Amino acid sequence: MTDMKNVLSQDSLSSLAKLRDATLEFIAGRALWNHETHMHGDNVIFVTDGAMITVWGDTEDWQFEGFDETYSILRVTSGDMGLLNDARDEGNVYVQHSGERITGISIARETITEERDGQIAWTYVTDVAVVMDLETVRLCIAKDSHHDELLKVVFSSLSSALTVPEAIGGWRPELGVEYRRSTDVLPLDGLLDGRVCHRHPTPPGGFEAHTLRNLGPLVSWHSQISPGVALSTPQL
Protein backbone atom coordinates (compact mmCIF):
# COMPACT_ATOMS: atom_id res chain seq x y z
CA MET A 1 0.00 0.00 0.00
CA THR A 2 1.22 3.50 -0.86
CA ASP A 3 0.49 6.45 1.45
CA MET A 4 0.63 10.02 0.13
CA LYS A 5 0.12 13.11 2.28
CA ASN A 6 -0.38 16.57 0.78
CA VAL A 7 -1.32 18.95 3.60
CA LEU A 8 -0.63 22.53 4.63
CA SER A 9 2.86 23.09 5.99
CA GLN A 10 3.48 24.43 9.47
CA ASP A 11 4.56 27.73 7.88
CA SER A 12 1.21 27.92 6.07
CA LEU A 13 -0.71 27.12 9.25
CA SER A 14 1.26 29.78 11.11
CA SER A 15 0.43 32.34 8.41
CA LEU A 16 -3.27 31.50 8.75
CA ALA A 17 -3.04 31.91 12.51
CA LYS A 18 -2.26 35.60 12.00
CA LEU A 19 -5.93 36.08 11.07
CA ARG A 20 -7.32 34.78 14.36
CA ASP A 21 -9.52 37.47 15.94
CA ALA A 22 -8.54 39.93 13.20
CA THR A 23 -11.12 42.22 11.59
CA LEU A 24 -11.64 41.69 7.87
CA GLU A 25 -11.13 44.77 5.72
CA PHE A 26 -11.50 43.20 2.26
CA ILE A 27 -10.74 40.19 0.06
CA ALA A 28 -8.87 40.53 -3.23
CA GLY A 29 -7.00 38.50 -5.81
CA ARG A 30 -5.32 38.78 -9.17
CA ALA A 31 -7.81 37.30 -11.68
CA LEU A 32 -10.13 36.49 -8.76
CA TRP A 33 -13.41 36.78 -10.63
CA ASN A 34 -16.77 37.15 -8.91
CA HIS A 35 -19.42 34.77 -10.25
CA GLU A 36 -23.07 34.65 -9.19
CA THR A 37 -22.55 32.09 -6.42
CA HIS A 38 -18.79 32.19 -5.75
CA MET A 39 -15.41 33.70 -6.55
CA HIS A 40 -12.89 31.82 -8.68
CA GLY A 41 -9.10 32.19 -9.02
CA ASP A 42 -5.75 30.74 -7.97
CA ASN A 43 -5.00 33.32 -5.24
CA VAL A 44 -7.13 34.85 -2.49
CA ILE A 45 -5.74 37.79 -0.48
CA PHE A 46 -7.15 38.55 2.96
CA VAL A 47 -6.50 42.07 4.24
CA THR A 48 -7.33 42.60 7.91
CA ASP A 49 -6.58 45.16 10.59
CA GLY A 50 -3.69 43.03 11.81
CA ALA A 51 -2.22 41.08 8.90
CA MET A 52 -2.40 40.35 5.18
CA ILE A 53 -2.09 36.77 3.93
CA THR A 54 -2.62 35.00 0.61
CA VAL A 55 -4.12 31.55 0.08
CA TRP A 56 -2.67 30.03 -3.09
CA GLY A 57 -3.62 27.16 -5.34
CA ASP A 58 -0.60 25.38 -6.81
CA THR A 59 0.26 22.00 -8.38
CA GLU A 60 2.93 19.32 -8.22
CA ASP A 61 3.42 16.03 -10.08
CA TRP A 62 3.53 12.70 -8.22
CA GLN A 63 3.32 8.99 -9.05
CA PHE A 64 1.62 7.38 -6.04
CA GLU A 65 -1.20 6.05 -8.25
CA GLY A 66 1.35 4.20 -10.36
CA PHE A 67 1.64 6.84 -13.11
CA ASP A 68 2.53 10.53 -13.49
CA GLU A 69 -0.31 12.84 -12.46
CA THR A 70 -0.70 16.49 -11.46
CA TYR A 71 -2.19 17.22 -8.03
CA SER A 72 -3.42 20.45 -6.50
CA ILE A 73 -1.77 21.98 -3.42
CA LEU A 74 -2.86 24.63 -0.93
CA ARG A 75 -0.28 27.15 0.27
CA VAL A 76 -0.60 30.17 2.56
CA THR A 77 1.94 32.99 2.59
CA SER A 78 2.25 36.54 3.88
CA GLY A 79 0.61 39.16 1.71
CA ASP A 80 2.30 40.49 -1.42
CA MET A 81 1.78 44.18 -2.22
CA GLY A 82 2.57 43.61 -5.89
CA LEU A 83 -0.15 40.98 -6.12
CA LEU A 84 -2.57 43.22 -4.23
CA ASN A 85 -1.84 46.13 -6.56
CA ASP A 86 -2.54 43.89 -9.56
CA ALA A 87 -5.88 42.92 -8.01
CA ARG A 88 -6.74 46.57 -7.41
CA ASP A 89 -5.85 47.47 -11.00
CA GLU A 90 -8.21 44.75 -12.24
CA GLY A 91 -10.97 45.82 -9.86
CA ASN A 92 -10.92 42.47 -8.08
CA VAL A 93 -11.36 43.83 -4.55
CA TYR A 94 -14.39 42.67 -2.55
CA VAL A 95 -15.65 44.33 0.61
CA GLN A 96 -18.45 41.92 1.54
CA HIS A 97 -18.55 41.54 5.34
CA SER A 98 -15.86 44.16 5.88
CA GLY A 99 -15.63 45.04 9.56
CA GLU A 100 -16.47 41.54 10.79
CA ARG A 101 -14.12 39.70 13.14
CA ILE A 102 -12.70 36.30 12.15
CA THR A 103 -13.86 34.14 15.04
CA GLY A 104 -12.61 30.70 13.96
CA ILE A 105 -10.40 28.96 11.39
CA SER A 106 -10.47 25.29 10.41
CA ILE A 107 -8.95 23.06 7.72
CA ALA A 108 -10.98 20.56 5.68
CA ARG A 109 -8.85 17.45 5.14
CA GLU A 110 -9.91 14.73 2.73
CA THR A 111 -8.79 11.10 2.63
CA ILE A 112 -9.21 9.09 -0.57
CA THR A 113 -8.36 5.41 -0.97
CA GLU A 114 -8.28 3.11 -3.93
CA GLU A 115 -9.23 -0.50 -3.24
CA ARG A 116 -8.41 -3.21 -5.78
CA ASP A 117 -10.04 -6.60 -5.28
CA GLY A 118 -10.72 -5.70 -1.65
CA GLN A 119 -7.14 -4.60 -0.91
CA ILE A 120 -6.06 -0.98 -0.39
CA ALA A 121 -3.73 0.07 -3.22
CA TRP A 122 -3.11 3.64 -2.06
CA THR A 123 -4.30 6.25 0.42
CA TYR A 124 -4.17 9.96 -0.36
CA VAL A 125 -4.61 12.55 2.42
CA THR A 126 -4.91 16.16 1.32
CA ASP A 127 -6.13 19.51 2.63
CA VAL A 128 -8.95 20.69 0.38
CA ALA A 129 -10.22 23.89 2.02
CA VAL A 130 -9.68 26.63 4.56
CA VAL A 131 -12.86 27.43 6.50
CA MET A 132 -13.24 30.76 8.31
CA ASP A 133 -16.08 31.78 10.59
CA LEU A 134 -16.86 35.49 10.67
CA GLU A 135 -19.41 37.10 12.95
CA THR A 136 -22.36 36.55 10.59
CA VAL A 137 -21.15 34.22 7.80
CA ARG A 138 -18.89 31.27 7.06
CA LEU A 139 -16.25 31.61 4.34
CA CYS A 140 -14.76 28.60 2.56
CA ILE A 141 -11.72 28.74 0.25
CA ALA A 142 -11.70 25.34 -1.44
CA LYS A 143 -9.88 23.50 -4.19
CA ASP A 144 -11.98 23.44 -7.34
CA SER A 145 -10.27 20.22 -8.45
CA HIS A 146 -7.72 17.74 -7.16
CA HIS A 147 -5.70 18.30 -10.34
CA ASP A 148 -5.34 22.05 -10.96
CA GLU A 149 -4.58 25.27 -9.10
CA LEU A 150 -8.00 26.91 -9.18
CA LEU A 151 -9.74 27.85 -5.93
CA LYS A 152 -13.40 28.53 -5.20
CA VAL A 153 -14.52 31.06 -2.56
CA VAL A 154 -18.01 30.49 -1.15
CA PHE A 155 -19.96 32.31 1.59
CA SER A 156 -22.63 30.48 3.59
CA SER A 157 -24.78 31.08 6.64
CA LEU A 158 -23.40 30.18 10.06
CA SER A 159 -26.80 28.72 10.89
CA SER A 160 -26.72 26.27 7.97
CA ALA A 161 -25.00 22.88 7.95
CA LEU A 162 -21.28 23.06 7.27
CA THR A 163 -20.54 21.95 3.72
CA VAL A 164 -17.28 22.07 1.78
CA PRO A 165 -17.44 22.45 -2.04
CA GLU A 166 -16.38 19.13 -3.48
CA ALA A 167 -13.09 19.09 -5.39
CA ILE A 168 -13.40 17.31 -8.73
CA GLY A 169 -11.32 14.15 -8.52
CA GLY A 170 -11.70 12.14 -11.69
CA TRP A 171 -11.56 8.81 -9.82
CA ARG A 172 -14.15 6.48 -11.33
CA PRO A 173 -14.88 2.96 -10.09
CA GLU A 174 -14.59 0.00 -12.39
CA LEU A 175 -14.81 -3.76 -12.03
CA GLY A 176 -12.75 -4.75 -8.98
CA VAL A 177 -11.80 -1.13 -8.19
CA GLU A 178 -13.53 1.10 -5.65
CA TYR A 179 -12.75 4.53 -4.21
CA ARG A 180 -13.67 5.81 -0.77
CA ARG A 181 -13.56 9.41 0.42
CA SER A 182 -13.92 11.01 3.83
CA THR A 183 -13.61 14.60 4.99
CA ASP A 184 -12.66 15.87 8.45
CA VAL A 185 -12.81 19.53 9.47
CA LEU A 186 -9.91 20.13 11.86
CA PRO A 187 -9.46 23.20 14.10
CA LEU A 188 -6.41 25.29 13.22
CA ASP A 189 -5.28 25.58 16.84
CA GLY A 190 -5.22 21.81 17.23
CA LEU A 191 -3.14 21.36 14.07
CA LEU A 192 -0.65 24.01 15.18
CA ASP A 193 0.00 22.59 18.64
CA GLY A 194 -0.22 18.92 17.70
CA ARG A 195 -3.41 18.14 19.63
CA VAL A 196 -5.05 16.87 16.43
CA CYS A 197 -3.53 14.30 14.10
CA HIS A 198 -4.93 12.46 11.09
CA ARG A 199 -4.98 8.70 11.33
CA HIS A 200 -4.91 6.42 8.28
CA PRO A 201 -7.84 4.00 8.06
CA THR A 202 -7.72 0.32 8.87
CA PRO A 203 -10.54 -1.56 7.13
CA PRO A 204 -13.39 -1.94 7.83
CA GLY A 205 -13.44 1.01 10.22
CA GLY A 206 -12.95 3.67 7.54
CA PHE A 207 -11.46 7.08 8.24
CA GLU A 208 -11.40 9.31 11.26
CA ALA A 209 -9.66 12.32 12.69
CA HIS A 210 -8.19 11.40 16.05
CA THR A 211 -8.49 13.89 18.91
CA LEU A 212 -5.59 13.49 21.33
CA ARG A 213 -7.08 15.89 23.87
CA ASN A 214 -10.44 17.57 24.24
CA LEU A 215 -10.89 20.02 21.35
CA GLY A 216 -14.65 20.33 21.25
CA PRO A 217 -16.73 19.27 18.21
CA LEU A 218 -14.95 17.77 15.23
CA VAL A 219 -16.81 17.44 11.93
CA SER A 220 -16.54 14.30 9.78
CA TRP A 221 -18.41 12.75 6.88
CA HIS A 222 -17.77 9.74 4.63
CA SER A 223 -18.80 8.59 1.18
CA GLN A 224 -18.10 5.78 -1.25
CA ILE A 225 -17.81 6.05 -5.01
CA SER A 226 -19.64 3.06 -6.50
CA PRO A 227 -20.41 2.17 -10.12
CA GLY A 228 -23.40 4.14 -11.34
CA VAL A 229 -23.59 6.36 -8.25
CA ALA A 230 -22.59 10.02 -8.41
CA LEU A 231 -20.32 11.21 -5.58
CA SER A 232 -21.61 14.03 -3.43
CA THR A 233 -20.49 15.52 -0.14
CA PRO A 234 -23.18 14.64 2.41
CA GLN A 235 -24.55 17.46 4.49
CA LEU A 236 -24.31 17.18 8.26
C-alpha atoms as a PDB file:
ATOM      1  CA  MET A   1       0.000   0.000   0.000  1.00  0.00           C
ATOM      2  CA  THR A   2       1.215   3.503  -0.860  1.00  0.00           C
ATOM      3  CA  ASP A   3       0.488   6.446   1.452  1.00  0.00           C
ATOM      4  CA  MET A   4       0.635  10.017   0.125  1.00  0.00           C
ATOM      5  CA  LYS A   5       0.122  13.112   2.275  1.00  0.00           C
ATOM      6  CA  ASN A   6      -0.375  16.574   0.777  1.00  0.00           C
ATOM      7  CA  VAL A   7      -1.318  18.953   3.599  1.00  0.00           C
ATOM      8  CA  LEU A   8      -0.629  22.529   4.627  1.00  0.00           C
ATOM      9  CA  SER A   9       2.864  23.086   5.991  1.00  0.00           C
ATOM     10  CA  GLN A  10       3.482  24.432   9.475  1.00  0.00           C
ATOM     11  CA  ASP A  11       4.555  27.729   7.878  1.00  0.00           C
ATOM     12  CA  SER A  12       1.213  27.916   6.066  1.00  0.00           C
ATOM     13  CA  LEU A  13      -0.706  27.121   9.246  1.00  0.00           C
ATOM     14  CA  SER A  14       1.262  29.785  11.114  1.00  0.00           C
ATOM     15  CA  SER A  15       0.429  32.336   8.413  1.00  0.00           C
ATOM     16  CA  LEU A  16      -3.273  31.496   8.745  1.00  0.00           C
ATOM     17  CA  ALA A  17      -3.042  31.906  12.514  1.00  0.00           C
ATOM     18  CA  LYS A  18      -2.265  35.603  12.002  1.00  0.00           C
ATOM     19  CA  LEU A  19      -5.927  36.076  11.067  1.00  0.00           C
ATOM     20  CA  ARG A  20      -7.317  34.778  14.361  1.00  0.00           C
ATOM     21  CA  ASP A  21      -9.517  37.472  15.941  1.00  0.00           C
ATOM     22  CA  ALA A  22      -8.541  39.929  13.200  1.00  0.00           C
ATOM     23  CA  THR A  23     -11.124  42.225  11.592  1.00  0.00           C
ATOM     24  CA  LEU A  24     -11.642  41.691   7.869  1.00  0.00           C
ATOM     25  CA  GLU A  25     -11.134  44.766   5.715  1.00  0.00           C
ATOM     26  CA  PHE A  26     -11.497  43.197   2.262  1.00  0.00           C
ATOM     27  CA  ILE A  27     -10.743  40.188   0.065  1.00  0.00           C
ATOM     28  CA  ALA A  28      -8.874  40.529  -3.231  1.00  0.00           C
ATOM     29  CA  GLY A  29      -7.001  38.505  -5.810  1.00  0.00           C
ATOM     30  CA  ARG A  30      -5.323  38.777  -9.172  1.00  0.00           C
ATOM     31  CA  ALA A  31      -7.808  37.304 -11.676  1.00  0.00           C
ATOM     32  CA  LEU A  32     -10.134  36.488  -8.761  1.00  0.00           C
ATOM     33  CA  TRP A  33     -13.409  36.782 -10.629  1.00  0.00           C
ATOM     34  CA  ASN A  34     -16.773  37.153  -8.913  1.00  0.00           C
ATOM     35  CA  HIS A  35     -19.423  34.768 -10.248  1.00  0.00           C
ATOM     36  CA  GLU A  36     -23.066  34.645  -9.192  1.00  0.00           C
ATOM     37  CA  THR A  37     -22.555  32.089  -6.419  1.00  0.00           C
ATOM     38  CA  HIS A  38     -18.792  32.189  -5.749  1.00  0.00           C
ATOM     39  CA  MET A  39     -15.409  33.700  -6.552  1.00  0.00           C
ATOM     40  CA  HIS A  40     -12.891  31.825  -8.682  1.00  0.00           C
ATOM     41  CA  GLY A  41      -9.103  32.194  -9.020  1.00  0.00           C
ATOM     42  CA  ASP A  42      -5.754  30.738  -7.973  1.00  0.00           C
ATOM     43  CA  ASN A  43      -5.000  33.315  -5.245  1.00  0.00           C
ATOM     44  CA  VAL A  44      -7.126  34.851  -2.493  1.00  0.00           C
ATOM     45  CA  ILE A  45      -5.744  37.788  -0.481  1.00  0.00           C
ATOM     46  CA  PHE A  46      -7.149  38.554   2.961  1.00  0.00           C
ATOM     47  CA  VAL A  47      -6.495  42.066   4.236  1.00  0.00           C
ATOM     48  CA  THR A  48      -7.330  42.603   7.910  1.00  0.00           C
ATOM     49  CA  ASP A  49      -6.583  45.162  10.587  1.00  0.00           C
ATOM     50  CA  GLY A  50      -3.691  43.032  11.808  1.00  0.00           C
ATOM     51  CA  ALA A  51      -2.218  41.079   8.903  1.00  0.00           C
ATOM     52  CA  MET A  52      -2.401  40.355   5.183  1.00  0.00           C
ATOM     53  CA  ILE A  53      -2.094  36.775   3.933  1.00  0.00           C
ATOM     54  CA  THR A  54      -2.616  35.002   0.613  1.00  0.00           C
ATOM     55  CA  VAL A  55      -4.121  31.547   0.082  1.00  0.00           C
ATOM     56  CA  TRP A  56      -2.674  30.032  -3.095  1.00  0.00           C
ATOM     57  CA  GLY A  57      -3.615  27.157  -5.343  1.00  0.00           C
ATOM     58  CA  ASP A  58      -0.595  25.375  -6.813  1.00  0.00           C
ATOM     59  CA  THR A  59       0.263  22.005  -8.385  1.00  0.00           C
ATOM     60  CA  GLU A  60       2.927  19.317  -8.219  1.00  0.00           C
ATOM     61  CA  ASP A  61       3.416  16.032 -10.077  1.00  0.00           C
ATOM     62  CA  TRP A  62       3.535  12.700  -8.221  1.00  0.00           C
ATOM     63  CA  GLN A  63       3.323   8.988  -9.051  1.00  0.00           C
ATOM     64  CA  PHE A  64       1.617   7.380  -6.039  1.00  0.00           C
ATOM     65  CA  GLU A  65      -1.202   6.051  -8.248  1.00  0.00           C
ATOM     66  CA  GLY A  66       1.352   4.204 -10.364  1.00  0.00           C
ATOM     67  CA  PHE A  67       1.637   6.839 -13.112  1.00  0.00           C
ATOM     68  CA  ASP A  68       2.526  10.528 -13.490  1.00  0.00           C
ATOM     69  CA  GLU A  69      -0.305  12.838 -12.461  1.00  0.00           C
ATOM     70  CA  THR A  70      -0.705  16.487 -11.461  1.00  0.00           C
ATOM     71  CA  TYR A  71      -2.191  17.216  -8.025  1.00  0.00           C
ATOM     72  CA  SER A  72      -3.416  20.454  -6.497  1.00  0.00           C
ATOM     73  CA  ILE A  73      -1.771  21.980  -3.416  1.00  0.00           C
ATOM     74  CA  LEU A  74      -2.862  24.628  -0.932  1.00  0.00           C
ATOM     75  CA  ARG A  75      -0.284  27.146   0.271  1.00  0.00           C
ATOM     76  CA  VAL A  76      -0.596  30.165   2.564  1.00  0.00           C
ATOM     77  CA  THR A  77       1.938  32.992   2.591  1.00  0.00           C
ATOM     78  CA  SER A  78       2.250  36.536   3.880  1.00  0.00           C
ATOM     79  CA  GLY A  79       0.609  39.163   1.712  1.00  0.00           C
ATOM     80  CA  ASP A  80       2.295  40.493  -1.423  1.00  0.00           C
ATOM     81  CA  MET A  81       1.778  44.183  -2.222  1.00  0.00           C
ATOM     82  CA  GLY A  82       2.572  43.611  -5.893  1.00  0.00           C
ATOM     83  CA  LEU A  83      -0.154  40.977  -6.116  1.00  0.00           C
ATOM     84  CA  LEU A  84      -2.568  43.221  -4.233  1.00  0.00           C
ATOM     85  CA  ASN A  85      -1.843  46.128  -6.556  1.00  0.00           C
ATOM     86  CA  ASP A  86      -2.543  43.889  -9.564  1.00  0.00           C
ATOM     87  CA  ALA A  87      -5.880  42.922  -8.013  1.00  0.00           C
ATOM     88  CA  ARG A  88      -6.742  46.566  -7.406  1.00  0.00           C
ATOM     89  CA  ASP A  89      -5.846  47.474 -10.996  1.00  0.00           C
ATOM     90  CA  GLU A  90      -8.209  44.748 -12.236  1.00  0.00           C
ATOM     91  CA  GLY A  91     -10.970  45.822  -9.862  1.00  0.00           C
ATOM     92  CA  ASN A  92     -10.915  42.472  -8.077  1.00  0.00           C
ATOM     93  CA  VAL A  93     -11.364  43.826  -4.545  1.00  0.00           C
ATOM     94  CA  TYR A  94     -14.388  42.671  -2.553  1.00  0.00           C
ATOM     95  CA  VAL A  95     -15.648  44.327   0.614  1.00  0.00           C
ATOM     96  CA  GLN A  96     -18.446  41.922   1.541  1.00  0.00           C
ATOM     97  CA  HIS A  97     -18.546  41.541   5.339  1.00  0.00           C
ATOM     98  CA  SER A  98     -15.862  44.158   5.879  1.00  0.00           C
ATOM     99  CA  GLY A  99     -15.628  45.040   9.556  1.00  0.00           C
ATOM    100  CA  GLU A 100     -16.467  41.538  10.787  1.00  0.00           C
ATOM    101  CA  ARG A 101     -14.117  39.702  13.136  1.00  0.00           C
ATOM    102  CA  ILE A 102     -12.703  36.301  12.146  1.00  0.00           C
ATOM    103  CA  THR A 103     -13.859  34.136  15.037  1.00  0.00           C
ATOM    104  CA  GLY A 104     -12.606  30.698  13.958  1.00  0.00           C
ATOM    105  CA  ILE A 105     -10.401  28.965  11.393  1.00  0.00           C
ATOM    106  CA  SER A 106     -10.467  25.287  10.407  1.00  0.00           C
ATOM    107  CA  ILE A 107      -8.954  23.059   7.724  1.00  0.00           C
ATOM    108  CA  ALA A 108     -10.981  20.557   5.681  1.00  0.00           C
ATOM    109  CA  ARG A 109      -8.848  17.449   5.144  1.00  0.00           C
ATOM    110  CA  GLU A 110      -9.908  14.732   2.728  1.00  0.00           C
ATOM    111  CA  THR A 111      -8.791  11.102   2.632  1.00  0.00           C
ATOM    112  CA  ILE A 112      -9.212   9.089  -0.566  1.00  0.00           C
ATOM    113  CA  THR A 113      -8.356   5.405  -0.967  1.00  0.00           C
ATOM    114  CA  GLU A 114      -8.283   3.107  -3.931  1.00  0.00           C
ATOM    115  CA  GLU A 115      -9.226  -0.503  -3.239  1.00  0.00           C
ATOM    116  CA  ARG A 116      -8.415  -3.206  -5.781  1.00  0.00           C
ATOM    117  CA  ASP A 117     -10.041  -6.604  -5.285  1.00  0.00           C
ATOM    118  CA  GLY A 118     -10.717  -5.705  -1.653  1.00  0.00           C
ATOM    119  CA  GLN A 119      -7.141  -4.598  -0.906  1.00  0.00           C
ATOM    120  CA  ILE A 120      -6.058  -0.983  -0.391  1.00  0.00           C
ATOM    121  CA  ALA A 121      -3.728   0.070  -3.217  1.00  0.00           C
ATOM    122  CA  TRP A 122      -3.106   3.641  -2.056  1.00  0.00           C
ATOM    123  CA  THR A 123      -4.301   6.250   0.418  1.00  0.00           C
ATOM    124  CA  TYR A 124      -4.167   9.965  -0.360  1.00  0.00           C
ATOM    125  CA  VAL A 125      -4.610  12.550   2.423  1.00  0.00           C
ATOM    126  CA  THR A 126      -4.908  16.159   1.318  1.00  0.00           C
ATOM    127  CA  ASP A 127      -6.133  19.515   2.633  1.00  0.00           C
ATOM    128  CA  VAL A 128      -8.947  20.694   0.380  1.00  0.00           C
ATOM    129  CA  ALA A 129     -10.224  23.889   2.023  1.00  0.00           C
ATOM    130  CA  VAL A 130      -9.681  26.634   4.561  1.00  0.00           C
ATOM    131  CA  VAL A 131     -12.858  27.426   6.500  1.00  0.00           C
ATOM    132  CA  MET A 132     -13.245  30.761   8.306  1.00  0.00           C
ATOM    133  CA  ASP A 133     -16.080  31.776  10.586  1.00  0.00           C
ATOM    134  CA  LEU A 134     -16.863  35.489  10.670  1.00  0.00           C
ATOM    135  CA  GLU A 135     -19.411  37.098  12.946  1.00  0.00           C
ATOM    136  CA  THR A 136     -22.355  36.553  10.586  1.00  0.00           C
ATOM    137  CA  VAL A 137     -21.145  34.223   7.802  1.00  0.00           C
ATOM    138  CA  ARG A 138     -18.892  31.275   7.059  1.00  0.00           C
ATOM    139  CA  LEU A 139     -16.253  31.613   4.337  1.00  0.00           C
ATOM    140  CA  CYS A 140     -14.762  28.596   2.564  1.00  0.00           C
ATOM    141  CA  ILE A 141     -11.717  28.737   0.251  1.00  0.00           C
ATOM    142  CA  ALA A 142     -11.699  25.341  -1.436  1.00  0.00           C
ATOM    143  CA  LYS A 143      -9.882  23.497  -4.192  1.00  0.00           C
ATOM    144  CA  ASP A 144     -11.979  23.443  -7.341  1.00  0.00           C
ATOM    145  CA  SER A 145     -10.271  20.224  -8.450  1.00  0.00           C
ATOM    146  CA  HIS A 146      -7.721  17.738  -7.159  1.00  0.00           C
ATOM    147  CA  HIS A 147      -5.698  18.301 -10.341  1.00  0.00           C
ATOM    148  CA  ASP A 148      -5.339  22.055 -10.962  1.00  0.00           C
ATOM    149  CA  GLU A 149      -4.579  25.268  -9.103  1.00  0.00           C
ATOM    150  CA  LEU A 150      -8.001  26.912  -9.184  1.00  0.00           C
ATOM    151  CA  LEU A 151      -9.740  27.849  -5.928  1.00  0.00           C
ATOM    152  CA  LYS A 152     -13.405  28.533  -5.205  1.00  0.00           C
ATOM    153  CA  VAL A 153     -14.517  31.063  -2.562  1.00  0.00           C
ATOM    154  CA  VAL A 154     -18.006  30.485  -1.145  1.00  0.00           C
ATOM    155  CA  PHE A 155     -19.960  32.306   1.585  1.00  0.00           C
ATOM    156  CA  SER A 156     -22.632  30.477   3.585  1.00  0.00           C
ATOM    157  CA  SER A 157     -24.781  31.078   6.639  1.00  0.00           C
ATOM    158  CA  LEU A 158     -23.404  30.181  10.061  1.00  0.00           C
ATOM    159  CA  SER A 159     -26.801  28.719  10.885  1.00  0.00           C
ATOM    160  CA  SER A 160     -26.724  26.265   7.967  1.00  0.00           C
ATOM    161  CA  ALA A 161     -25.001  22.879   7.948  1.00  0.00           C
ATOM    162  CA  LEU A 162     -21.281  23.065   7.268  1.00  0.00           C
ATOM    163  CA  THR A 163     -20.542  21.947   3.721  1.00  0.00           C
ATOM    164  CA  VAL A 164     -17.275  22.071   1.776  1.00  0.00           C
ATOM    165  CA  PRO A 165     -17.441  22.450  -2.035  1.00  0.00           C
ATOM    166  CA  GLU A 166     -16.378  19.130  -3.484  1.00  0.00           C
ATOM    167  CA  ALA A 167     -13.091  19.088  -5.390  1.00  0.00           C
ATOM    168  CA  ILE A 168     -13.401  17.307  -8.732  1.00  0.00           C
ATOM    169  CA  GLY A 169     -11.315  14.149  -8.518  1.00  0.00           C
ATOM    170  CA  GLY A 170     -11.703  12.136 -11.690  1.00  0.00           C
ATOM    171  CA  TRP A 171     -11.561   8.812  -9.821  1.00  0.00           C
ATOM    172  CA  ARG A 172     -14.152   6.481 -11.331  1.00  0.00           C
ATOM    173  CA  PRO A 173     -14.882   2.959 -10.088  1.00  0.00           C
ATOM    174  CA  GLU A 174     -14.588  -0.004 -12.395  1.00  0.00           C
ATOM    175  CA  LEU A 175     -14.807  -3.762 -12.035  1.00  0.00           C
ATOM    176  CA  GLY A 176     -12.753  -4.745  -8.984  1.00  0.00           C
ATOM    177  CA  VAL A 177     -11.798  -1.129  -8.189  1.00  0.00           C
ATOM    178  CA  GLU A 178     -13.532   1.103  -5.646  1.00  0.00           C
ATOM    179  CA  TYR A 179     -12.750   4.535  -4.213  1.00  0.00           C
ATOM    180  CA  ARG A 180     -13.671   5.806  -0.771  1.00  0.00           C
ATOM    181  CA  ARG A 181     -13.560   9.410   0.423  1.00  0.00           C
ATOM    182  CA  SER A 182     -13.922  11.010   3.827  1.00  0.00           C
ATOM    183  CA  THR A 183     -13.610  14.604   4.990  1.00  0.00           C
ATOM    184  CA  ASP A 184     -12.658  15.865   8.453  1.00  0.00           C
ATOM    185  CA  VAL A 185     -12.810  19.530   9.474  1.00  0.00           C
ATOM    186  CA  LEU A 186      -9.909  20.125  11.862  1.00  0.00           C
ATOM    187  CA  PRO A 187      -9.456  23.199  14.097  1.00  0.00           C
ATOM    188  CA  LEU A 188      -6.405  25.291  13.222  1.00  0.00           C
ATOM    189  CA  ASP A 189      -5.282  25.582  16.843  1.00  0.00           C
ATOM    190  CA  GLY A 190      -5.217  21.805  17.231  1.00  0.00           C
ATOM    191  CA  LEU A 191      -3.136  21.357  14.068  1.00  0.00           C
ATOM    192  CA  LEU A 192      -0.647  24.010  15.184  1.00  0.00           C
ATOM    193  CA  ASP A 193      -0.002  22.590  18.638  1.00  0.00           C
ATOM    194  CA  GLY A 194      -0.221  18.921  17.700  1.00  0.00           C
ATOM    195  CA  ARG A 195      -3.409  18.141  19.633  1.00  0.00           C
ATOM    196  CA  VAL A 196      -5.053  16.866  16.428  1.00  0.00           C
ATOM    197  CA  CYS A 197      -3.530  14.305  14.103  1.00  0.00           C
ATOM    198  CA  HIS A 198      -4.932  12.462  11.090  1.00  0.00           C
ATOM    199  CA  ARG A 199      -4.976   8.699  11.325  1.00  0.00           C
ATOM    200  CA  HIS A 200      -4.912   6.417   8.277  1.00  0.00           C
ATOM    201  CA  PRO A 201      -7.841   3.997   8.058  1.00  0.00           C
ATOM    202  CA  THR A 202      -7.719   0.322   8.874  1.00  0.00           C
ATOM    203  CA  PRO A 203     -10.540  -1.562   7.133  1.00  0.00           C
ATOM    204  CA  PRO A 204     -13.386  -1.942   7.833  1.00  0.00           C
ATOM    205  CA  GLY A 205     -13.439   1.009  10.216  1.00  0.00           C
ATOM    206  CA  GLY A 206     -12.946   3.672   7.537  1.00  0.00           C
ATOM    207  CA  PHE A 207     -11.464   7.075   8.241  1.00  0.00           C
ATOM    208  CA  GLU A 208     -11.397   9.309  11.263  1.00  0.00           C
ATOM    209  CA  ALA A 209      -9.662  12.318  12.693  1.00  0.00           C
ATOM    210  CA  HIS A 210      -8.186  11.404  16.052  1.00  0.00           C
ATOM    211  CA  THR A 211      -8.490  13.889  18.905  1.00  0.00           C
ATOM    212  CA  LEU A 212      -5.590  13.489  21.329  1.00  0.00           C
ATOM    213  CA  ARG A 213      -7.080  15.895  23.866  1.00  0.00           C
ATOM    214  CA  ASN A 214     -10.438  17.570  24.238  1.00  0.00           C
ATOM    215  CA  LEU A 215     -10.888  20.022  21.346  1.00  0.00           C
ATOM    216  CA  GLY A 216     -14.653  20.328  21.246  1.00  0.00           C
ATOM    217  CA  PRO A 217     -16.732  19.274  18.210  1.00  0.00           C
ATOM    218  CA  LEU A 218     -14.955  17.766  15.229  1.00  0.00           C
ATOM    219  CA  VAL A 219     -16.812  17.445  11.925  1.00  0.00           C
ATOM    220  CA  SER A 220     -16.539  14.305   9.777  1.00  0.00           C
ATOM    221  CA  TRP A 221     -18.405  12.748   6.879  1.00  0.00           C
ATOM    222  CA  HIS A 222     -17.774   9.743   4.629  1.00  0.00           C
ATOM    223  CA  SER A 223     -18.796   8.590   1.182  1.00  0.00           C
ATOM    224  CA  GLN A 224     -18.102   5.778  -1.246  1.00  0.00           C
ATOM    225  CA  ILE A 225     -17.811   6.046  -5.009  1.00  0.00           C
ATOM    226  CA  SER A 226     -19.639   3.064  -6.500  1.00  0.00           C
ATOM    227  CA  PRO A 227     -20.406   2.174 -10.118  1.00  0.00           C
ATOM    228  CA  GLY A 228     -23.399   4.139 -11.345  1.00  0.00           C
ATOM    229  CA  VAL A 229     -23.587   6.361  -8.252  1.00  0.00           C
ATOM    230  CA  ALA A 230     -22.587  10.022  -8.405  1.00  0.00           C
ATOM    231  CA  LEU A 231     -20.317  11.208  -5.583  1.00  0.00           C
ATOM    232  CA  SER A 232     -21.615  14.029  -3.430  1.00  0.00           C
ATOM    233  CA  THR A 233     -20.495  15.521  -0.143  1.00  0.00           C
ATOM    234  CA  PRO A 234     -23.175  14.637   2.412  1.00  0.00           C
ATOM    235  CA  GLN A 235     -24.547  17.463   4.494  1.00  0.00           C
ATOM    236  CA  LEU A 236     -24.314  17.184   8.257  1.00  0.00           C
END
